[in-house]
C-alpha atoms as a PDB file:
ATOM      1  CA  MET A   1      49.483  -8.471  20.437  1.00  0.00           C
ATOM      2  CA  LYS A   2      48.484  -8.467  16.792  1.00  0.00           C
ATOM      3  CA  GLN A   3      48.035 -12.224  16.904  1.00  0.00           C
ATOM      4  CA  THR A   4      45.919 -11.942  20.055  1.00  0.00           C
ATOM      5  CA  LEU A   5      43.844  -9.230  18.393  1.00  0.00           C
ATOM      6  CA  LEU A   6      43.397 -11.388  15.283  1.00  0.00           C
ATOM      7  CA  ASP A   7      42.443 -14.357  17.446  1.00  0.00           C
ATOM      8  CA  ALA A   8      39.926 -12.215  19.347  1.00  0.00           C
ATOM      9  CA  GLU A   9      38.450 -10.937  16.074  1.00  0.00           C
ATOM     10  CA  THR A  10      38.222 -14.508  14.775  1.00  0.00           C
ATOM     11  CA  VAL A  11      36.478 -15.643  17.950  1.00  0.00           C
ATOM     12  CA  ALA A  12      34.089 -12.661  17.757  1.00  0.00           C
ATOM     13  CA  LEU A  13      33.335 -13.409  14.093  1.00  0.00           C
ATOM     14  CA  ASP A  14      32.701 -17.073  14.888  1.00  0.00           C
ATOM     15  CA  ALA A  15      30.452 -16.030  17.771  1.00  0.00           C
ATOM     16  CA  LYS A  16      28.482 -13.728  15.442  1.00  0.00           C
ATOM     17  CA  LYS A  17      28.070 -16.526  12.909  1.00  0.00           C
ATOM     18  CA  GLU A  18      26.931 -18.937  15.605  1.00  0.00           C
ATOM     19  CA  SER A  19      24.555 -16.330  17.004  1.00  0.00           C
ATOM     20  CA  ALA A  20      23.055 -15.693  13.562  1.00  0.00           C
ATOM     21  CA  PHE A  21      22.664 -19.420  12.993  1.00  0.00           C
ATOM     22  CA  LEU A  22      20.987 -19.876  16.369  1.00  0.00           C
ATOM     23  CA  ARG A  23      18.670 -16.929  15.731  1.00  0.00           C
ATOM     24  CA  SER A  24      17.547 -18.336  12.385  1.00  0.00           C
ATOM     25  CA  GLU A  25      17.081 -21.784  13.917  1.00  0.00           C
ATOM     26  CA  ASN A  26      15.087 -20.230  16.755  1.00  0.00           C
ATOM     27  CA  LEU A  27      12.850 -18.433  14.236  1.00  0.00           C
ATOM     28  CA  GLU A  28      12.313 -21.684  12.337  1.00  0.00           C
ATOM     29  CA  LEU A  29      11.381 -23.467  15.556  1.00  0.00           C
ATOM     30  CA  LYS A  30       8.975 -20.695  16.502  1.00  0.00           C
ATOM     31  CA  GLU A  31       7.340 -20.910  13.073  1.00  0.00           C
ATOM     32  CA  LYS A  32       7.064 -24.703  13.376  1.00  0.00           C
ATOM     33  CA  MET A  33       5.571 -24.274  16.860  1.00  0.00           C
ATOM     34  CA  LYS A  34       2.970 -21.849  15.444  1.00  0.00           C
ATOM     35  CA  GLU A  35       2.093 -24.357  12.726  1.00  0.00           C
ATOM     36  CA  LEU A  36       1.766 -27.176  15.253  1.00  0.00           C
ATOM     37  CA  THR A  37      -0.362 -25.028  17.530  1.00  0.00           C
ATOM     38  CA  SER A  38      -2.625 -24.100  14.644  1.00  0.00           C
ATOM     39  CA  THR A  39      -2.918 -27.739  13.584  1.00  0.00           C
ATOM     40  CA  TYR A  40      -3.635 -28.747  17.159  1.00  0.00           C
ATOM     41  CA  LYS A  41      -6.400 -26.157  17.524  1.00  0.00           C
ATOM     42  CA  GLN A  42      -7.935 -27.209  14.218  1.00  0.00           C
ATOM     43  CA  MET A  43      -7.866 -30.855  15.302  1.00  0.00           C
ATOM     44  CA  GLU A  44      -9.522 -29.946  18.604  1.00  0.00           C
ATOM     45  CA  ASN A  45     -12.253 -28.088  16.713  1.00  0.00           C
ATOM     46  CA  ASP A  46     -12.668 -31.053  14.367  1.00  0.00           C
ATOM     47  CA  ILE A  47     -12.975 -33.425  17.305  1.00  0.00           C
ATOM     48  CA  GLN A  48     -15.667 -31.271  18.898  1.00  0.00           C
ATOM     49  CA  LEU A  49     -17.516 -31.120  15.588  1.00  0.00           C
ATOM     50  CA  TYR A  50     -17.297 -34.893  15.119  1.00  0.00           C
ATOM     51  CA  GLN A  51     -18.448 -35.523  18.663  1.00  0.00           C
ATOM     52  CA  SER A  52     -21.464 -33.259  18.251  1.00  0.00           C
ATOM     53  CA  GLN A  53     -22.272 -34.916  14.914  1.00  0.00           C
ATOM     54  CA  LEU A  54     -21.971 -38.328  16.526  1.00  0.00           C
ATOM     55  CA  GLU A  55     -24.330 -37.305  19.330  1.00  0.00           C
ATOM     56  CA  ALA A  56     -26.825 -35.939  16.802  1.00  0.00           C
ATOM     57  CA  GLU A  57     -26.593 -39.138  14.765  1.00  0.00           C
ATOM     58  CA  LYS A  58     -27.143 -41.267  17.854  1.00  0.00           C
ATOM     59  CA  LYS A  59     -30.212 -39.234  18.793  1.00  0.00           C
ATOM     60  CA  MET A  60     -31.524 -39.489  15.250  1.00  0.00           C
ATOM     61  CA  GLN A  61     -30.929 -43.239  15.267  1.00  0.00           C
ATOM     62  CA  VAL A  62     -32.874 -43.622  18.512  1.00  0.00           C
ATOM     63  CA  ASP A  63     -35.736 -41.578  17.059  1.00  0.00           C
ATOM     64  CA  LEU A  64     -35.763 -43.668  13.893  1.00  0.00           C
ATOM     65  CA  GLU A  65     -35.731 -46.896  15.857  1.00  0.00           C
ATOM     66  CA  LYS A  66     -38.742 -45.675  17.854  1.00  0.00           C
ATOM     67  CA  GLU A  67     -40.531 -44.766  14.653  1.00  0.00           C
ATOM     68  CA  LEU A  68     -39.626 -48.131  13.147  1.00  0.00           C
ATOM     69  CA  GLN A  69     -41.023 -49.916  16.196  1.00  0.00           C
ATOM     70  CA  SER A  70     -44.181 -47.871  15.932  1.00  0.00           C
ATOM     71  CA  SER A  71     -44.509 -48.890  12.273  1.00  0.00           C
ATOM     72  CA  PHE A  72     -44.037 -52.555  13.206  1.00  0.00           C
ATOM     73  CA  ASN A  73     -46.751 -52.223  15.835  1.00  0.00           C
ATOM     74  CA  GLU A  74     -49.100 -50.641  13.306  1.00  0.00           C
ATOM     75  CA  ILE A  75     -48.417 -53.411  10.791  1.00  0.00           C
ATOM     76  CA  THR A  76     -49.081 -56.009  13.483  1.00  0.00           C
ATOM     77  CA  LYS A  77     -52.408 -54.361  14.271  1.00  0.00           C
ATOM     78  CA  LEU A  78     -53.340 -54.234  10.593  1.00  0.00           C
ATOM     79  CA  THR A  79     -52.306 -57.839  10.084  1.00  0.00           C
ATOM     80  CA  SER A  80     -54.486 -58.948  12.967  1.00  0.00           C
ATOM     81  CA  LEU A  81     -57.358 -56.971  11.457  1.00  0.00           C
ATOM     82  CA  ILE A  82     -56.861 -58.649   8.102  1.00  0.00           C
ATOM     83  CA  ASP A  83     -56.755 -62.087   9.723  1.00  0.00           C
ATOM     84  CA  GLY A  84     -60.456 -61.987  10.354  1.00  0.00           C
ATOM     85  CA  ARG A  85     -61.413 -59.011  12.378  1.00  0.00           C
ATOM     86  CA  VAL A  86     -62.359 -56.819   9.436  1.00  0.00           C
ATOM     87  CA  PRO A  87     -65.711 -56.553   7.816  1.00  0.00           C
ATOM     88  CA  LYS A  88     -66.164 -58.768   4.797  1.00  0.00           C
ATOM     89  CA  ASP A  89     -66.637 -55.707   2.654  1.00  0.00           C
ATOM     90  CA  LEU A  90     -64.229 -55.808  -0.298  1.00  0.00           C
ATOM     91  CA  LEU A  91     -63.606 -52.046  -0.371  1.00  0.00           C
ATOM     92  CA  CYS A  92     -62.583 -52.105   3.271  1.00  0.00           C
ATOM     93  CA  ASN A  93     -60.155 -54.958   2.586  1.00  0.00           C
ATOM     94  CA  LEU A  94     -58.638 -53.101  -0.366  1.00  0.00           C
ATOM     95  CA  GLU A  95     -58.207 -49.972   1.726  1.00  0.00           C
ATOM     96  CA  LEU A  96     -56.453 -51.945   4.442  1.00  0.00           C
ATOM     97  CA  GLU A  97     -54.183 -53.607   1.890  1.00  0.00           C
ATOM     98  CA  ARG A  98     -53.245 -50.191   0.504  1.00  0.00           C
ATOM     99  CA  LYS A  99     -52.491 -48.984   4.016  1.00  0.00           C
ATOM    100  CA  ILE A 100     -50.382 -52.067   4.650  1.00  0.00           C
ATOM    101  CA  THR A 101     -48.497 -51.543   1.395  1.00  0.00           C
ATOM    102  CA  ASP A 102     -47.885 -47.889   2.219  1.00  0.00           C
ATOM    103  CA  LEU A 103     -46.742 -48.747   5.721  1.00  0.00           C
ATOM    104  CA  GLN A 104     -44.475 -51.478   4.379  1.00  0.00           C
ATOM    105  CA  LYS A 105     -42.876 -48.959   1.999  1.00  0.00           C
ATOM    106  CA  GLU A 106     -42.390 -46.550   4.886  1.00  0.00           C
ATOM    107  CA  LEU A 107     -40.938 -49.337   6.969  1.00  0.00           C
ATOM    108  CA  ASN A 108     -38.481 -50.282   4.246  1.00  0.00           C
ATOM    109  CA  LYS A 109     -37.483 -46.643   3.794  1.00  0.00           C
ATOM    110  CA  GLU A 110     -36.950 -46.229   7.546  1.00  0.00           C
ATOM    111  CA  ALA A 111     -34.915 -49.433   7.661  1.00  0.00           C
ATOM    112  CA  GLU A 112     -32.663 -48.135   4.876  1.00  0.00           C
ATOM    113  CA  GLU A 113     -32.244 -44.801   6.635  1.00  0.00           C
ATOM    114  CA  SER A 114     -31.502 -46.573   9.887  1.00  0.00           C
ATOM    115  CA  GLU A 115     -28.841 -48.698   8.200  1.00  0.00           C
ATOM    116  CA  ALA A 116     -27.300 -45.612   6.609  1.00  0.00           C
ATOM    117  CA  LEU A 117     -27.200 -43.928  10.017  1.00  0.00           C
ATOM    118  CA  ARG A 118     -25.610 -46.989  11.592  1.00  0.00           C
ATOM    119  CA  LYS A 119     -22.885 -46.876   8.960  1.00  0.00           C
ATOM    120  CA  GLU A 120     -22.319 -43.186   9.620  1.00  0.00           C
ATOM    121  CA  VAL A 121     -22.192 -43.778  13.384  1.00  0.00           C
ATOM    122  CA  ASN A 122     -19.624 -46.526  12.801  1.00  0.00           C
ATOM    123  CA  LEU A 123     -17.583 -44.132  10.667  1.00  0.00           C
ATOM    124  CA  LEU A 124     -17.731 -41.429  13.314  1.00  0.00           C
ATOM    125  CA  SER A 125     -16.811 -43.985  15.963  1.00  0.00           C
ATOM    126  CA  ALA A 126     -13.655 -44.689  13.986  1.00  0.00           C
ATOM    127  CA  LEU A 127     -12.698 -41.036  14.518  1.00  0.00           C
ATOM    128  CA  LYS A 128     -12.510 -41.531  18.282  1.00  0.00           C
ATOM    129  CA  SER A 129      -8.742 -42.031  17.920  1.00  0.00           C
ATOM    130  CA  LEU A 130      -8.338 -38.324  17.163  1.00  0.00           C
ATOM    131  CA  PRO A 131      -8.036 -37.351  20.844  1.00  0.00           C
ATOM    132  CA  SER A 132      -4.921 -39.526  21.186  1.00  0.00           C
ATOM    133  CA  GLU A 133      -3.403 -37.881  18.113  1.00  0.00           C
ATOM    134  CA  VAL A 134      -4.247 -34.476  19.546  1.00  0.00           C
ATOM    135  CA  GLU A 135      -2.612 -35.457  22.826  1.00  0.00           C
ATOM    136  CA  MET A 136       0.521 -36.542  20.936  1.00  0.00           C
ATOM    137  CA  LEU A 137       0.629 -33.177  19.112  1.00  0.00           C
ATOM    138  CA  ARG A 138       0.044 -31.391  22.414  1.00  0.00           C
ATOM    139  CA  LYS A 139       3.086 -33.199  23.868  1.00  0.00           C
ATOM    140  CA  GLU A 140       5.162 -32.190  20.832  1.00  0.00           C
ATOM    141  CA  VAL A 141       4.086 -28.563  21.240  1.00  0.00           C
ATOM    142  CA  ASN A 142       4.904 -28.689  24.956  1.00  0.00           C
ATOM    143  CA  THR A 143       8.308 -30.193  24.138  1.00  0.00           C
ATOM    144  CA  PHE A 144       9.005 -27.340  21.705  1.00  0.00           C
ATOM    145  CA  LEU A 145       7.771 -24.805  24.241  1.00  0.00           C
ATOM    146  CA  SER A 146       9.984 -26.170  26.986  1.00  0.00           C
ATOM    147  CA  LYS A 147      13.097 -25.947  24.793  1.00  0.00           C
END
């Protein structure tokens, strides 16, 4: 009987140890699941932010391209005026040349801004892979939740 009692106590002690181990492992897994959930939510927020930035950049690029086209049209009009449709008055010619120079500077500035925006749009386009990473994390979280 004593041996049976000792065996029962040993089994109970082993069961307590195993239970404690499983509890601590369960707590660790819950903490890891919280971390993954937090990371997932942050990534979702980041994706939404990047998508809204990308949309804003695209709209800005379209606006700049329209403005650039308008500048080209204005330069074309001024060039045609200079080619013989302006009065022979020297002051008028100088004024038109100044306008052309100013418009050319604006055009160059707009072209630089447009190029910078294109680069930024390309960079934001590279972030489109984030949804697949989020989906992978979502699957990991679901796997942890189902266990």
